[in-house]
Amino acid sequence: MIEAARQPLETRLAAVARRLEAVAGRPVLVLAPIVLAQWLGLVAFALTVRHNGWLYYQGGDETFYYTTSWLLTGWQLPTTAIGYGWSFLTTPIALFAGPNVLDGMPAIIVLNAVVLGPVATLCVYGIASRLGGRLLGYWAAACWVAAPYAVIPLWDHRYHQKWVELFLPQALGLTNLGDYPSMVALLVAAYFCFRALDGRDVRDGLVAGLATGFAVGIKPANGLFVAAPLLGFLLARRWRQLVPFVGALGVTMITLAIWKQRGLGENPALASGSPALAYMGFGGVPLAFLHPVTKYVHVDWGQIGHNLDVLREFFWSVRPLEYLPIAGAAAVALRQAPKAAFLGAWFFAYFFVKGSSPHASVEDASFFRLMMPGFPAYLLLGTALPLLVPTYAARASERFRAAEPRWPRNQRRFAAVVVVFALVPLLMVATLRAQRTAQALKVYPDGLYLPIDSGFRVDARAQTGRVELSWPARNGSATAFYRVYRAPAFAPDPVTAANPPIVEGMKCRRGSHADCFLEATVVAVTTTLRAVDERVPRGRWTYYVAAASNWLGDPTLGDPLVLGKPVTVSVG
């Protein structure tokens, strides 16, 4: 009787197992719900976290990226304090949205969420499936989507706001910063590197080099990643793939070098300057012969220890976090040592260099933003732990082996990738017209890079000791407030010598192009469209009005985002 009842149950379980195996054999049936969950989770988070319209916590650097995009729409060379990659991709958005980043934020967030988000998830799946089969790929992709939200309860309540409001919007692509797209670019690079390690097609190595170089083009600090593919290819002796990888990477590095040279007048990686040589903790011997590397690579063990101590104070437990990548590297090394070296070099390069930066602090969540490009390697190492299970892991990997992707016979797609991400950026940076007029200013002491919107006109009426100002609204996709700056008026051509004196007003350093900056007095901050400057000294004065905003809509916080056209008045 019992045997008769058990047999149908076993039959039903076997049928369910066969159906699950059939589903696992078709990645689209598993990955589509994961991507859908990714979108739904992001929408739920975006609606519940504090925000101001489409504006979430940014940090200020978004003005450099968007102002650069806007100048590129006019084929003008900006000040190249940042890389070219992300601004190059968002130039079409700036072309239609105009100089105000608030107008461009909806399209930028949609680009991050709808395009880059799924690309990252699919790359995580592709990489993990090449470590342990499709089941491990599904597991890694699901963890990638869930991890940012799953760790929220593990933080002390004192850190909740910093993780949820200050870091997660950046980690989920709700900002215009370059960290998120550069992280996605590194995932694309890693995926094609793994394909190159497993196959023989040189195109995989070439695309991996392009993606790596483009990630460095977005944020030059991503040069730390280059050690990972080089180590992986060398250990696997993949010379056929290494050569096109280095060649493609070299083209993108030439693009970045031209970009920096033309926009700054020098290449910071090669020029001697203030950054001290790194000592790496090895007996204090400077590595001067590696100046381009050592100028930026400095490991501060004390800072790492301090960040771990603060992390221990606010997180549930640090020990599992410390052992997870080590155990994961061991799990991968048991099966594929070159890939273990790849993932280990990827994560630990960022942990030791960026994690020990004086700008990396767990207290203000900047540690996690700087570590973002290394997080995919950490997650992949953590999700590789099932590979430690004896026998079962090997059988599952073999039974659910990842399908071998093939390049389409039509070479147009491959050619399009090379043109868009290699040739077009190189042509752009080589042919941009030097900016000769003050169409964008660096605003001190805020350290922002703001465009001047010619349609944002300020009207001024001067009386004895008094100036009345008015202007049109510039809210865009968020509620804005306005800062009014006053500075002494200069001659019509404000361009001066190479090193102008530091005085109030708008000045431009003469060089390859107009590198302009503004240092002025803030005379009013208002949520209305008018202001009155009382007790103005006699003389000629120039007024600048900046539309400003922040994720809370608080006039006491946040940064200016766009400047109105300046107006000059004479006060008797």
Foldseek 3Di string as FASTA:
>chain_A
DVVVVVVVVVVVVVVVVVVVLVCLLPVCSLLVVLLVLLLVVVVVLVVPAFFFQLFAFEPFCLLVLLQCLLCVLVLAQAQPPFFDQLSLVCNVLCNVQPQFVLQSLVVQQCCLSVPLVSLLLVLQLLLLCLLFFNVLSSVLSNCVSCVLPVQLVQWAPVCNCLSSRVPVCVLSRSYSALLNVLLSLQSQLSSLLSLLLVDQDLLSLLSSLLSQLSSCSRGVVSVLLVVLSVQLCVVSVSPSNPVNSVVNNVLSVVLRQLSNCLNPVHRVLPDDDDQDFAQQPDVSDGPVVNSSPRSQFHFDPVLLVVQLVVCCVTGNHCVCLVCQLVLLLVLSCVPRNSNSSSLVSLQVSQCRGVLSDPQQHVVNPNVCSSNSSSVSSSSSSNSSNVSPDPPVSNVSSVSRRDDNDDDDPPCPVSVVSCCSSRVVSSVSSVPRQAAADPQWAQEPPVRHIAGERAQFAKDWDAEAQKIKIFTDDDQRSGQWKKWKWKFADDPPDQEDEQDDDDDAAKHFHDDSHTHIYGYTDTQDIGSDGMDMRGRDDFHKMKMKMFIWAHGNRDSVDTDGNYIYDIDMDGHD
